[in-house]
Amino acid sequence: MSLLLGKHINLRALEPEDLDFIFTVENDTDSWHLGNTITPFSKFAIKEYLESALLDIYTTKQLRLVIETKARKPIGLVDLFDFDHFHKRAGIAIIIHQEIDRQRGFGFESIELLAAYSKAQLQLHQLYCNINSLNINSIKMFEKLGFVKVGEKIDWRWSLSGYQNELLMQKIL
């Protein structure tokens, strides 16, 4: 069985057909506070990105996978970024796009699959993530997956509601 096939979801490579889905996710201003996005992406820019996604993680230092249900409906994206083969570590990030698909275990299973893939296929030693300290659901999910808080960046992210702290969490694989 493939490392990227789960019980309820699958992780798969980006396809040209994902253009509209990625465009919708990346331009959802309600989720911009989760990352570093402050401006919209054009379809042209996303198309260019999809073409570069054909390159391997050793070249681009990142890997983005689509999270899809067993019915092949894309529901989110999961990323490895800041890939460092020498030190055998990478950052991990996830977004489940629609509220209706959150709190159903899809994010948990996605991180679990990508962590197993990272260890077995990429031979990584550790993963880390950055989480807004107010994002209690994500913090709990990553803790259940074995990530531990190793630091807190004070007033790290600005939003319309003011500055917010960001937690640094890490898991040794």
C-alpha atoms as a PDB file:
ATOM      1  CA  MET A   1       0.000   0.000   0.000  1.00  0.00           C
ATOM      2  CA  SER A   2       1.232   3.467  -0.831  1.00  0.00           C
ATOM      3  CA  LEU A   3       2.485   5.729   1.933  1.00  0.00           C
ATOM      4  CA  LEU A   4       0.151   8.464   0.704  1.00  0.00           C
ATOM      5  CA  LEU A   5      -3.085   6.454   0.728  1.00  0.00           C
ATOM      6  CA  GLY A   6      -5.028   6.652   3.963  1.00  0.00           C
ATOM      7  CA  LYS A   7      -8.214   5.196   5.343  1.00  0.00           C
ATOM      8  CA  HIS A   8     -10.366   8.272   4.629  1.00  0.00           C
ATOM      9  CA  ILE A   9      -8.183  10.485   2.431  1.00  0.00           C
ATOM     10  CA  ASN A  10      -5.378  10.290  -0.092  1.00  0.00           C
ATOM     11  CA  LEU A  11      -2.501  12.664  -0.689  1.00  0.00           C
ATOM     12  CA  ARG A  12      -1.578  13.180  -4.312  1.00  0.00           C
ATOM     13  CA  ALA A  13       0.626  15.324  -6.502  1.00  0.00           C
ATOM     14  CA  LEU A  14      -0.679  18.536  -8.000  1.00  0.00           C
ATOM     15  CA  GLU A  15      -2.316  18.280 -11.411  1.00  0.00           C
ATOM     16  CA  PRO A  16      -3.109  20.996 -13.966  1.00  0.00           C
ATOM     17  CA  GLU A  17      -6.797  20.337 -13.196  1.00  0.00           C
ATOM     18  CA  ASP A  18      -6.185  21.659  -9.646  1.00  0.00           C
ATOM     19  CA  LEU A  19      -5.814  25.226 -10.949  1.00  0.00           C
ATOM     20  CA  ASP A  20      -9.306  26.370  -9.924  1.00  0.00           C
ATOM     21  CA  PHE A  21      -9.168  24.640  -6.528  1.00  0.00           C
ATOM     22  CA  ILE A  22      -5.771  26.147  -5.661  1.00  0.00           C
ATOM     23  CA  PHE A  23      -6.901  29.543  -6.951  1.00  0.00           C
ATOM     24  CA  THR A  24      -9.919  29.377  -4.602  1.00  0.00           C
ATOM     25  CA  VAL A  25      -7.876  28.242  -1.580  1.00  0.00           C
ATOM     26  CA  GLU A  26      -5.043  30.730  -2.073  1.00  0.00           C
ATOM     27  CA  ASN A  27      -7.406  33.658  -2.611  1.00  0.00           C
ATOM     28  CA  ASP A  28      -9.646  32.941   0.374  1.00  0.00           C
ATOM     29  CA  THR A  29      -8.930  36.050   2.458  1.00  0.00           C
ATOM     30  CA  ASP A  30     -10.472  34.395   5.534  1.00  0.00           C
ATOM     31  CA  SER A  31      -7.478  32.058   5.728  1.00  0.00           C
ATOM     32  CA  TRP A  32      -4.679  34.484   4.840  1.00  0.00           C
ATOM     33  CA  HIS A  33      -3.929  34.979   8.541  1.00  0.00           C
ATOM     34  CA  LEU A  34      -2.819  31.324   8.694  1.00  0.00           C
ATOM     35  CA  GLY A  35       0.134  31.923   6.406  1.00  0.00           C
ATOM     36  CA  ASN A  36       2.076  34.846   5.044  1.00  0.00           C
ATOM     37  CA  THR A  37      -0.287  35.813   2.241  1.00  0.00           C
ATOM     38  CA  ILE A  38      -1.399  39.426   2.024  1.00  0.00           C
ATOM     39  CA  THR A  39      -2.184  39.772  -1.690  1.00  0.00           C
ATOM     40  CA  PRO A  40      -4.242  37.673  -4.102  1.00  0.00           C
ATOM     41  CA  PHE A  41      -2.717  35.256  -6.596  1.00  0.00           C
ATOM     42  CA  SER A  42      -3.596  35.345 -10.278  1.00  0.00           C
ATOM     43  CA  LYS A  43      -4.565  32.228 -12.191  1.00  0.00           C
ATOM     44  CA  PHE A  44      -1.505  32.871 -14.356  1.00  0.00           C
ATOM     45  CA  ALA A  45       0.800  32.795 -11.299  1.00  0.00           C
ATOM     46  CA  ILE A  46      -0.800  29.599 -10.019  1.00  0.00           C
ATOM     47  CA  LYS A  47      -0.525  28.014 -13.468  1.00  0.00           C
ATOM     48  CA  GLU A  48       3.194  28.872 -13.486  1.00  0.00           C
ATOM     49  CA  TYR A  49       3.507  27.383 -10.000  1.00  0.00           C
ATOM     50  CA  LEU A  50       1.771  24.180 -11.113  1.00  0.00           C
ATOM     51  CA  GLU A  51       4.264  23.841 -13.945  1.00  0.00           C
ATOM     52  CA  SER A  52       7.195  24.226 -11.531  1.00  0.00           C
ATOM     53  CA  ALA A  53       5.610  21.659  -9.205  1.00  0.00           C
ATOM     54  CA  LEU A  54       6.887  19.006 -11.606  1.00  0.00           C
ATOM     55  CA  LEU A  55      10.354  19.543 -10.139  1.00  0.00           C
ATOM     56  CA  ASP A  56      11.342  17.352  -7.225  1.00  0.00           C
ATOM     57  CA  ILE A  57      11.639  18.384  -3.572  1.00  0.00           C
ATOM     58  CA  TYR A  58      15.431  18.297  -3.753  1.00  0.00           C
ATOM     59  CA  THR A  59      15.332  21.083  -6.355  1.00  0.00           C
ATOM     60  CA  THR A  60      12.473  23.248  -5.075  1.00  0.00           C
ATOM     61  CA  LYS A  61      12.939  22.557  -1.319  1.00  0.00           C
ATOM     62  CA  GLN A  62       9.171  22.159  -1.017  1.00  0.00           C
ATOM     63  CA  LEU A  63       6.415  19.678  -1.759  1.00  0.00           C
ATOM     64  CA  ARG A  64       2.710  20.483  -1.982  1.00  0.00           C
ATOM     65  CA  LEU A  65       0.139  17.712  -2.099  1.00  0.00           C
ATOM     66  CA  VAL A  66      -3.614  17.791  -2.566  1.00  0.00           C
ATOM     67  CA  ILE A  67      -5.714  16.211   0.176  1.00  0.00           C
ATOM     68  CA  GLU A  68      -8.629  14.412  -1.435  1.00  0.00           C
ATOM     69  CA  THR A  69     -11.434  12.257  -0.105  1.00  0.00           C
ATOM     70  CA  LYS A  70     -11.818   8.671  -1.264  1.00  0.00           C
ATOM     71  CA  ALA A  71     -14.472  10.066  -3.637  1.00  0.00           C
ATOM     72  CA  ARG A  72     -11.600  12.099  -5.195  1.00  0.00           C
ATOM     73  CA  LYS A  73     -12.942  15.465  -3.988  1.00  0.00           C
ATOM     74  CA  PRO A  74     -10.073  17.886  -3.189  1.00  0.00           C
ATOM     75  CA  ILE A  75     -10.563  19.298   0.303  1.00  0.00           C
ATOM     76  CA  GLY A  76      -7.212  20.807   1.188  1.00  0.00           C
ATOM     77  CA  LEU A  77      -3.483  21.126   0.739  1.00  0.00           C
ATOM     78  CA  VAL A  78      -0.559  19.897   2.791  1.00  0.00           C
ATOM     79  CA  ASP A  79       2.974  21.189   2.330  1.00  0.00           C
ATOM     80  CA  LEU A  80       6.514  20.353   3.209  1.00  0.00           C
ATOM     81  CA  PHE A  81       8.615  23.518   3.013  1.00  0.00           C
ATOM     82  CA  ASP A  82      12.082  24.665   4.015  1.00  0.00           C
ATOM     83  CA  PHE A  83      13.241  21.142   3.099  1.00  0.00           C
ATOM     84  CA  ASP A  84      16.780  20.597   4.327  1.00  0.00           C
ATOM     85  CA  HIS A  85      18.153  17.254   3.158  1.00  0.00           C
ATOM     86  CA  PHE A  86      21.495  17.736   4.927  1.00  0.00           C
ATOM     87  CA  HIS A  87      19.933  18.281   8.357  1.00  0.00           C
ATOM     88  CA  LYS A  88      17.025  15.972   7.479  1.00  0.00           C
ATOM     89  CA  ARG A  89      14.190  18.318   8.447  1.00  0.00           C
ATOM     90  CA  ALA A  90      11.319  20.258   6.930  1.00  0.00           C
ATOM     91  CA  GLY A  91       8.456  22.486   7.900  1.00  0.00           C
ATOM     92  CA  ILE A  92       4.916  21.201   7.495  1.00  0.00           C
ATOM     93  CA  ALA A  93       1.716  23.151   6.901  1.00  0.00           C
ATOM     94  CA  ILE A  94      -1.868  22.208   6.165  1.00  0.00           C
ATOM     95  CA  ILE A  95      -5.144  23.792   5.213  1.00  0.00           C
ATOM     96  CA  ILE A  96      -8.514  22.120   4.991  1.00  0.00           C
ATOM     97  CA  HIS A  97     -10.368  24.627   2.847  1.00  0.00           C
ATOM     98  CA  GLN A  98     -14.028  24.436   3.829  1.00  0.00           C
ATOM     99  CA  GLU A  99     -15.337  24.569   7.376  1.00  0.00           C
ATOM    100  CA  ILE A 100     -17.592  21.549   6.721  1.00  0.00           C
ATOM    101  CA  ASP A 101     -14.505  19.360   6.158  1.00  0.00           C
ATOM    102  CA  ARG A 102     -12.708  20.490   9.322  1.00  0.00           C
ATOM    103  CA  GLN A 103     -12.827  18.623  12.648  1.00  0.00           C
ATOM    104  CA  ARG A 104     -13.451  15.342  10.811  1.00  0.00           C
ATOM    105  CA  GLY A 105      -9.973  13.820  11.128  1.00  0.00           C
ATOM    106  CA  PHE A 106      -8.861  14.651   7.583  1.00  0.00           C
ATOM    107  CA  GLY A 107      -6.126  17.020   8.751  1.00  0.00           C
ATOM    108  CA  PHE A 108      -4.901  14.522  11.348  1.00  0.00           C
ATOM    109  CA  GLU A 109      -4.725  11.718   8.786  1.00  0.00           C
ATOM    110  CA  SER A 110      -3.004  13.994   6.244  1.00  0.00           C
ATOM    111  CA  ILE A 111      -0.228  14.996   8.660  1.00  0.00           C
ATOM    112  CA  GLU A 112       0.117  11.385   9.824  1.00  0.00           C
ATOM    113  CA  LEU A 113       0.553  10.186   6.222  1.00  0.00           C
ATOM    114  CA  LEU A 114       2.966  12.964   5.278  1.00  0.00           C
ATOM    115  CA  ALA A 115       5.047  12.368   8.421  1.00  0.00           C
ATOM    116  CA  ALA A 116       5.317   8.648   7.590  1.00  0.00           C
ATOM    117  CA  TYR A 117       6.255   9.503   3.994  1.00  0.00           C
ATOM    118  CA  SER A 118       8.811  12.041   5.221  1.00  0.00           C
ATOM    119  CA  LYS A 119      10.496   9.455   7.402  1.00  0.00           C
ATOM    120  CA  ALA A 120      10.355   6.447   5.060  1.00  0.00           C
ATOM    121  CA  GLN A 121      10.787   8.038   1.642  1.00  0.00           C
ATOM    122  CA  LEU A 122      12.629  11.294   2.322  1.00  0.00           C
ATOM    123  CA  GLN A 123      14.524   9.931   5.350  1.00  0.00           C
ATOM    124  CA  LEU A 124      13.783  13.033   7.402  1.00  0.00           C
ATOM    125  CA  HIS A 125      14.604  13.106  11.104  1.00  0.00           C
ATOM    126  CA  GLN A 126      12.200  15.859  12.136  1.00  0.00           C
ATOM    127  CA  LEU A 127       9.305  18.075  11.133  1.00  0.00           C
ATOM    128  CA  TYR A 128       8.303  21.439  12.526  1.00  0.00           C
ATOM    129  CA  CYS A 129       5.313  23.724  12.203  1.00  0.00           C
ATOM    130  CA  ASN A 130       4.388  27.302  13.045  1.00  0.00           C
ATOM    131  CA  ILE A 131       0.905  27.781  14.506  1.00  0.00           C
ATOM    132  CA  ASN A 132      -0.949  30.889  15.619  1.00  0.00           C
ATOM    133  CA  SER A 133      -1.262  30.581  19.413  1.00  0.00           C
ATOM    134  CA  LEU A 134      -5.016  31.235  19.131  1.00  0.00           C
ATOM    135  CA  ASN A 135      -5.533  28.288  16.757  1.00  0.00           C
ATOM    136  CA  ILE A 136      -6.406  25.842  19.549  1.00  0.00           C
ATOM    137  CA  ASN A 137      -7.778  23.143  17.215  1.00  0.00           C
ATOM    138  CA  SER A 138      -4.542  22.979  15.206  1.00  0.00           C
ATOM    139  CA  ILE A 139      -2.412  23.005  18.347  1.00  0.00           C
ATOM    140  CA  LYS A 140      -4.379  20.077  19.793  1.00  0.00           C
ATOM    141  CA  MET A 141      -4.179  18.164  16.513  1.00  0.00           C
ATOM    142  CA  PHE A 142      -0.410  18.563  16.229  1.00  0.00           C
ATOM    143  CA  GLU A 143       0.032  17.625  19.898  1.00  0.00           C
ATOM    144  CA  LYS A 144      -2.005  14.434  19.318  1.00  0.00           C
ATOM    145  CA  LEU A 145       0.362  13.690  16.443  1.00  0.00           C
ATOM    146  CA  GLY A 146       3.383  13.926  18.755  1.00  0.00           C
ATOM    147  CA  PHE A 147       4.508  17.495  18.056  1.00  0.00           C
ATOM    148  CA  VAL A 148       5.729  19.414  21.091  1.00  0.00           C
ATOM    149  CA  LYS A 149       5.954  23.148  21.668  1.00  0.00           C
ATOM    150  CA  VAL A 150       9.599  24.204  21.556  1.00  0.00           C
ATOM    151  CA  GLY A 151       9.150  27.954  21.372  1.00  0.00           C
ATOM    152  CA  GLU A 152       6.834  30.912  21.136  1.00  0.00           C
ATOM    153  CA  LYS A 153       7.371  33.998  19.011  1.00  0.00           C
ATOM    154  CA  ILE A 154       5.773  36.982  20.752  1.00  0.00           C
ATOM    155  CA  ASP A 155       3.691  39.428  18.682  1.00  0.00           C
ATOM    156  CA  TRP A 156       4.892  37.576  15.607  1.00  0.00           C
ATOM    157  CA  ARG A 157       1.894  38.016  13.330  1.00  0.00           C
ATOM    158  CA  TRP A 158      -0.171  41.114  12.806  1.00  0.00           C
ATOM    159  CA  SER A 159      -3.850  40.877  11.938  1.00  0.00           C
ATOM    160  CA  LEU A 160      -6.798  43.246  11.973  1.00  0.00           C
ATOM    161  CA  SER A 161      -7.424  42.180  15.580  1.00  0.00           C
ATOM    162  CA  GLY A 162      -3.842  43.023  16.621  1.00  0.00           C
ATOM    163  CA  TYR A 163      -0.593  41.172  17.119  1.00  0.00           C
ATOM    164  CA  GLN A 164      -0.676  37.457  17.832  1.00  0.00           C
ATOM    165  CA  ASN A 165       1.912  35.007  19.068  1.00  0.00           C
ATOM    166  CA  GLU A 166       3.104  32.062  17.010  1.00  0.00           C
ATOM    167  CA  LEU A 167       4.097  28.698  18.430  1.00  0.00           C
ATOM    168  CA  LEU A 168       6.962  26.649  17.063  1.00  0.00           C
ATOM    169  CA  MET A 169       6.222  22.946  17.357  1.00  0.00           C
ATOM    170  CA  GLN A 170       8.514  20.072  16.468  1.00  0.00           C
ATOM    171  CA  LYS A 171       8.351  16.310  16.101  1.00  0.00           C
ATOM    172  CA  ILE A 172      11.274  13.941  15.981  1.00  0.00           C
ATOM    173  CA  LEU A 173      10.392  11.192  13.529  1.00  0.00           C
END
